[in-house]
Amino acid sequence: MAELLYSKTSEQWLELLGHYTTVTLKNQKSITGYLYTIDPTSQHVVMYDSKDQRVVVVMSSSIRDLNVDSEDHVDLHIIDAALKYQQENRYTSEWLEKRRQALIQHLEKHRIPIQYQANEPVIHVLGCARVESPYAATSVVCDNALIRKRVRDIVLDLFNDATSNDGSRE
């Protein structure tokens, strides 16, 4: 499978997203659907089955062959809409600002040194880390692994507590 993925550049794979694809497994079974994405790390293939309106993830270790139909194509926005991806996962500016303010208040409450400006989306923490939009644990950037982990844990704790306290997602 690895040679299949490496035989094309990232740009070539991007052009093939949305095309009807047939994946042949090592056990000779076939899975068909529209190519939604290929995970760059694990090389798992994610496809959209329009007939059953579901997403199918095919583990790279089970793939023997992958054939893309260059003629049959659907726009990725159609798949996003079918999966209700756009409506549920689009960040509004109000939601981002509320989340940013909650994080700032949490850090200040715990007397963690931060710097931020009203018109800048980045929050600087402990003089070397920064938290970027959308202010999730994965949005923490820092060269020092120990500080990065500590700030990520703080962000996780804040938003995990907020989710469990009121039962809704922040």
C-alpha atoms as a PDB file:
ATOM      1  CA  MET A   1       0.000   0.000   0.000  1.00  0.00           C
ATOM      2  CA  ALA A   2       2.778   2.428   0.845  1.00  0.00           C
ATOM      3  CA  GLU A   3       4.078   2.379  -2.706  1.00  0.00           C
ATOM      4  CA  LEU A   4       0.588   3.334  -3.940  1.00  0.00           C
ATOM      5  CA  LEU A   5       0.509   6.417  -1.771  1.00  0.00           C
ATOM      6  CA  TYR A   6       4.074   7.426  -2.488  1.00  0.00           C
ATOM      7  CA  SER A   7       3.610   7.012  -6.216  1.00  0.00           C
ATOM      8  CA  LYS A   8       1.688  10.311  -6.266  1.00  0.00           C
ATOM      9  CA  THR A   9       2.519  13.722  -4.886  1.00  0.00           C
ATOM     10  CA  SER A  10       0.319  15.436  -2.315  1.00  0.00           C
ATOM     11  CA  GLU A  11      -0.981  17.748  -5.036  1.00  0.00           C
ATOM     12  CA  GLN A  12      -1.957  14.778  -7.197  1.00  0.00           C
ATOM     13  CA  TRP A  13      -3.837  13.174  -4.294  1.00  0.00           C
ATOM     14  CA  LEU A  14      -5.618  16.462  -3.579  1.00  0.00           C
ATOM     15  CA  GLU A  15      -6.835  16.522  -7.170  1.00  0.00           C
ATOM     16  CA  LEU A  16      -8.259  13.002  -6.753  1.00  0.00           C
ATOM     17  CA  LEU A  17     -10.308  13.785  -3.644  1.00  0.00           C
ATOM     18  CA  GLY A  18     -13.995  13.414  -4.424  1.00  0.00           C
ATOM     19  CA  HIS A  19     -13.422  10.826  -7.152  1.00  0.00           C
ATOM     20  CA  TYR A  20     -15.130   7.455  -7.078  1.00  0.00           C
ATOM     21  CA  THR A  21     -12.645   4.932  -5.735  1.00  0.00           C
ATOM     22  CA  THR A  22     -12.429   1.174  -5.472  1.00  0.00           C
ATOM     23  CA  VAL A  23     -10.229  -0.226  -2.730  1.00  0.00           C
ATOM     24  CA  THR A  24      -9.293  -3.887  -3.034  1.00  0.00           C
ATOM     25  CA  LEU A  25      -8.419  -5.446   0.289  1.00  0.00           C
ATOM     26  CA  LYS A  26      -5.826  -8.131   0.898  1.00  0.00           C
ATOM     27  CA  ASN A  27      -8.686 -10.594   1.545  1.00  0.00           C
ATOM     28  CA  GLN A  28      -9.916  -9.886  -2.053  1.00  0.00           C
ATOM     29  CA  LYS A  29     -13.028  -7.925  -0.935  1.00  0.00           C
ATOM     30  CA  SER A  30     -13.702  -4.532  -2.485  1.00  0.00           C
ATOM     31  CA  ILE A  31     -14.927  -1.306  -0.930  1.00  0.00           C
ATOM     32  CA  THR A  32     -16.232   1.510  -3.094  1.00  0.00           C
ATOM     33  CA  GLY A  33     -17.062   5.144  -2.453  1.00  0.00           C
ATOM     34  CA  TYR A  34     -15.889   8.672  -3.042  1.00  0.00           C
ATOM     35  CA  LEU A  35     -12.366   9.419  -1.848  1.00  0.00           C
ATOM     36  CA  TYR A  36     -12.753  11.880   1.033  1.00  0.00           C
ATOM     37  CA  THR A  37      -9.192  11.991   2.356  1.00  0.00           C
ATOM     38  CA  ILE A  38      -6.042  10.013   3.032  1.00  0.00           C
ATOM     39  CA  ASP A  39      -4.491  10.432   6.455  1.00  0.00           C
ATOM     40  CA  PRO A  40      -0.945  11.639   5.852  1.00  0.00           C
ATOM     41  CA  THR A  41       0.464   9.896   8.923  1.00  0.00           C
ATOM     42  CA  SER A  42      -1.303   6.544   9.073  1.00  0.00           C
ATOM     43  CA  GLN A  43      -2.124   6.412   5.336  1.00  0.00           C
ATOM     44  CA  HIS A  44      -5.640   5.203   6.143  1.00  0.00           C
ATOM     45  CA  VAL A  45      -8.109   5.932   3.362  1.00  0.00           C
ATOM     46  CA  VAL A  46     -11.388   7.665   4.189  1.00  0.00           C
ATOM     47  CA  MET A  47     -14.216   7.235   1.704  1.00  0.00           C
ATOM     48  CA  TYR A  48     -17.822   8.391   1.528  1.00  0.00           C
ATOM     49  CA  ASP A  49     -20.405   5.777   0.605  1.00  0.00           C
ATOM     50  CA  SER A  50     -23.202   7.835  -0.976  1.00  0.00           C
ATOM     51  CA  LYS A  51     -25.545   4.850  -1.243  1.00  0.00           C
ATOM     52  CA  ASP A  52     -25.556   4.204   2.527  1.00  0.00           C
ATOM     53  CA  GLN A  53     -24.604   7.814   3.384  1.00  0.00           C
ATOM     54  CA  ARG A  54     -21.760   6.836   5.662  1.00  0.00           C
ATOM     55  CA  VAL A  55     -18.052   7.267   6.001  1.00  0.00           C
ATOM     56  CA  VAL A  56     -15.796   4.242   5.597  1.00  0.00           C
ATOM     57  CA  VAL A  57     -12.249   4.211   6.955  1.00  0.00           C
ATOM     58  CA  VAL A  58      -9.993   1.627   5.353  1.00  0.00           C
ATOM     59  CA  MET A  59      -6.841   0.795   7.285  1.00  0.00           C
ATOM     60  CA  SER A  60      -3.750   1.059   5.128  1.00  0.00           C
ATOM     61  CA  SER A  61      -2.449  -2.314   6.300  1.00  0.00           C
ATOM     62  CA  SER A  62      -5.461  -4.070   4.771  1.00  0.00           C
ATOM     63  CA  ILE A  63      -5.266  -2.409   1.339  1.00  0.00           C
ATOM     64  CA  ARG A  64      -3.899  -4.338  -1.614  1.00  0.00           C
ATOM     65  CA  ASP A  65      -4.872  -1.942  -4.392  1.00  0.00           C
ATOM     66  CA  LEU A  66      -6.560   1.417  -4.846  1.00  0.00           C
ATOM     67  CA  ASN A  67      -8.152   2.493  -8.147  1.00  0.00           C
ATOM     68  CA  VAL A  68      -9.513   5.984  -8.721  1.00  0.00           C
ATOM     69  CA  ASP A  69     -12.098   6.657 -11.454  1.00  0.00           C
ATOM     70  CA  SER A  70     -11.030   9.926 -13.069  1.00  0.00           C
ATOM     71  CA  GLU A  71     -14.471  10.396 -14.686  1.00  0.00           C
ATOM     72  CA  ASP A  72     -16.834   9.921 -11.704  1.00  0.00           C
ATOM     73  CA  HIS A  73     -16.398  12.861  -9.349  1.00  0.00           C
ATOM     74  CA  VAL A  74     -18.447  14.618  -6.675  1.00  0.00           C
ATOM     75  CA  ASP A  75     -17.602  17.975  -5.089  1.00  0.00           C
ATOM     76  CA  LEU A  76     -16.256  17.657  -1.533  1.00  0.00           C
ATOM     77  CA  HIS A  77     -18.732  20.326  -0.388  1.00  0.00           C
ATOM     78  CA  ILE A  78     -21.554  17.920  -1.243  1.00  0.00           C
ATOM     79  CA  ILE A  79     -19.974  15.253   0.961  1.00  0.00           C
ATOM     80  CA  ASP A  80     -19.433  17.818   3.734  1.00  0.00           C
ATOM     81  CA  ALA A  81     -23.093  18.835   3.516  1.00  0.00           C
ATOM     82  CA  ALA A  82     -24.256  15.198   3.543  1.00  0.00           C
ATOM     83  CA  LEU A  83     -22.200  14.608   6.663  1.00  0.00           C
ATOM     84  CA  LYS A  84     -23.415  17.925   8.151  1.00  0.00           C
ATOM     85  CA  TYR A  85     -19.762  18.816   8.584  1.00  0.00           C
ATOM     86  CA  GLN A  86     -20.078  22.475   7.674  1.00  0.00           C
ATOM     87  CA  GLN A  87     -23.006  23.279   9.934  1.00  0.00           C
ATOM     88  CA  GLU A  88     -21.669  21.516  13.002  1.00  0.00           C
ATOM     89  CA  ASN A  89     -17.961  22.297  12.808  1.00  0.00           C
ATOM     90  CA  ARG A  90     -17.717  25.824  11.509  1.00  0.00           C
ATOM     91  CA  TYR A  91     -16.286  28.190  14.078  1.00  0.00           C
ATOM     92  CA  THR A  92     -18.088  31.498  14.382  1.00  0.00           C
ATOM     93  CA  SER A  93     -16.194  34.594  15.434  1.00  0.00           C
ATOM     94  CA  GLU A  94     -18.435  34.866  18.506  1.00  0.00           C
ATOM     95  CA  TRP A  95     -17.712  31.280  19.516  1.00  0.00           C
ATOM     96  CA  LEU A  96     -13.965  31.790  19.059  1.00  0.00           C
ATOM     97  CA  GLU A  97     -13.980  35.024  21.075  1.00  0.00           C
ATOM     98  CA  LYS A  98     -15.983  33.396  23.880  1.00  0.00           C
ATOM     99  CA  ARG A  99     -13.525  30.502  23.966  1.00  0.00           C
ATOM    100  CA  ARG A 100     -10.536  32.883  23.889  1.00  0.00           C
ATOM    101  CA  GLN A 101     -11.917  34.936  26.776  1.00  0.00           C
ATOM    102  CA  ALA A 102     -12.655  31.802  28.814  1.00  0.00           C
ATOM    103  CA  LEU A 103      -9.057  30.663  28.370  1.00  0.00           C
ATOM    104  CA  ILE A 104      -7.664  34.088  29.269  1.00  0.00           C
ATOM    105  CA  GLN A 105      -9.803  34.214  32.421  1.00  0.00           C
ATOM    106  CA  HIS A 106      -8.773  30.698  33.399  1.00  0.00           C
ATOM    107  CA  LEU A 107      -5.070  31.450  32.963  1.00  0.00           C
ATOM    108  CA  GLU A 108      -5.344  34.728  34.884  1.00  0.00           C
ATOM    109  CA  LYS A 109      -7.354  33.065  37.669  1.00  0.00           C
ATOM    110  CA  HIS A 110      -4.536  30.557  38.156  1.00  0.00           C
ATOM    111  CA  ARG A 111      -1.909  33.321  37.957  1.00  0.00           C
ATOM    112  CA  ILE A 112      -0.221  31.870  34.912  1.00  0.00           C
ATOM    113  CA  PRO A 113       1.810  34.583  33.151  1.00  0.00           C
ATOM    114  CA  ILE A 114       0.207  35.505  29.827  1.00  0.00           C
ATOM    115  CA  GLN A 115       0.383  38.269  27.268  1.00  0.00           C
ATOM    116  CA  TYR A 116      -2.267  39.077  24.695  1.00  0.00           C
ATOM    117  CA  GLN A 117      -3.667  41.971  22.739  1.00  0.00           C
ATOM    118  CA  ALA A 118      -7.303  42.650  21.942  1.00  0.00           C
ATOM    119  CA  ASN A 119      -6.786  42.604  18.177  1.00  0.00           C
ATOM    120  CA  GLU A 120      -4.410  39.608  18.133  1.00  0.00           C
ATOM    121  CA  PRO A 121      -5.810  36.050  18.194  1.00  0.00           C
ATOM    122  CA  VAL A 122      -2.677  34.532  19.815  1.00  0.00           C
ATOM    123  CA  ILE A 123      -2.297  34.207  23.594  1.00  0.00           C
ATOM    124  CA  HIS A 124       1.339  34.025  24.768  1.00  0.00           C
ATOM    125  CA  VAL A 125       1.802  31.824  27.849  1.00  0.00           C
ATOM    126  CA  LEU A 126       4.803  31.621  30.184  1.00  0.00           C
ATOM    127  CA  GLY A 127       6.892  33.741  27.844  1.00  0.00           C
ATOM    128  CA  CYS A 128       7.566  30.935  25.366  1.00  0.00           C
ATOM    129  CA  ALA A 129       4.349  29.107  24.479  1.00  0.00           C
ATOM    130  CA  ARG A 130       1.466  30.396  22.445  1.00  0.00           C
ATOM    131  CA  VAL A 131      -2.128  29.268  22.081  1.00  0.00           C
ATOM    132  CA  GLU A 132      -3.670  29.945  18.696  1.00  0.00           C
ATOM    133  CA  SER A 133      -7.232  29.828  17.447  1.00  0.00           C
ATOM    134  CA  PRO A 134      -9.385  27.722  17.996  1.00  0.00           C
ATOM    135  CA  TYR A 135      -7.804  27.561  21.470  1.00  0.00           C
ATOM    136  CA  ALA A 136      -7.700  23.784  21.759  1.00  0.00           C
ATOM    137  CA  ALA A 137      -4.945  21.630  23.230  1.00  0.00           C
ATOM    138  CA  THR A 138      -3.680  21.000  19.716  1.00  0.00           C
ATOM    139  CA  SER A 139      -3.402  24.774  19.208  1.00  0.00           C
ATOM    140  CA  VAL A 140      -0.542  25.067  21.705  1.00  0.00           C
ATOM    141  CA  VAL A 141       2.830  25.778  20.103  1.00  0.00           C
ATOM    142  CA  CYS A 142       6.099  25.729  22.037  1.00  0.00           C
ATOM    143  CA  ASP A 143       9.645  24.487  21.432  1.00  0.00           C
ATOM    144  CA  ASN A 144       9.956  23.336  25.052  1.00  0.00           C
ATOM    145  CA  ALA A 145       8.133  19.997  25.266  1.00  0.00           C
ATOM    146  CA  LEU A 146       7.579  20.194  29.026  1.00  0.00           C
ATOM    147  CA  ILE A 147       5.970  23.638  28.862  1.00  0.00           C
ATOM    148  CA  ARG A 148       3.963  22.653  25.777  1.00  0.00           C
ATOM    149  CA  LYS A 149       2.553  19.641  27.628  1.00  0.00           C
ATOM    150  CA  ARG A 150       1.739  21.704  30.725  1.00  0.00           C
ATOM    151  CA  VAL A 151      -0.102  24.369  28.724  1.00  0.00           C
ATOM    152  CA  ARG A 152      -1.958  21.702  26.733  1.00  0.00           C
ATOM    153  CA  ASP A 153      -3.056  20.070  29.982  1.00  0.00           C
ATOM    154  CA  ILE A 154      -4.342  23.428  31.257  1.00  0.00           C
ATOM    155  CA  VAL A 155      -6.330  23.998  28.065  1.00  0.00           C
ATOM    156  CA  LEU A 156      -7.726  20.458  28.191  1.00  0.00           C
ATOM    157  CA  ASP A 157      -8.715  20.815  31.841  1.00  0.00           C
ATOM    158  CA  LEU A 158     -10.516  24.088  31.237  1.00  0.00           C
ATOM    159  CA  PHE A 159     -12.592  22.949  28.299  1.00  0.00           C
ATOM    160  CA  ASN A 160     -13.185  19.422  29.631  1.00  0.00           C
ATOM    161  CA  ASP A 161     -14.552  20.982  32.841  1.00  0.00           C
ATOM    162  CA  ALA A 162     -16.715  23.380  30.832  1.00  0.00           C
ATOM    163  CA  THR A 163     -18.157  20.499  28.809  1.00  0.00           C
ATOM    164  CA  SER A 164     -18.884  18.307  31.809  1.00  0.00           C
ATOM    165  CA  ASN A 165     -20.332  21.110  33.958  1.00  0.00           C
ATOM    166  CA  ASP A 166     -23.119  22.200  31.664  1.00  0.00           C
ATOM    167  CA  GLY A 167     -23.406  19.126  29.441  1.00  0.00           C
ATOM    168  CA  SER A 168     -22.857  21.105  26.259  1.00  0.00           C
ATOM    169  CA  ARG A 169     -19.830  21.627  24.100  1.00  0.00           C
ATOM    170  CA  GLU A 170     -18.070  24.966  24.488  1.00  0.00           C
END
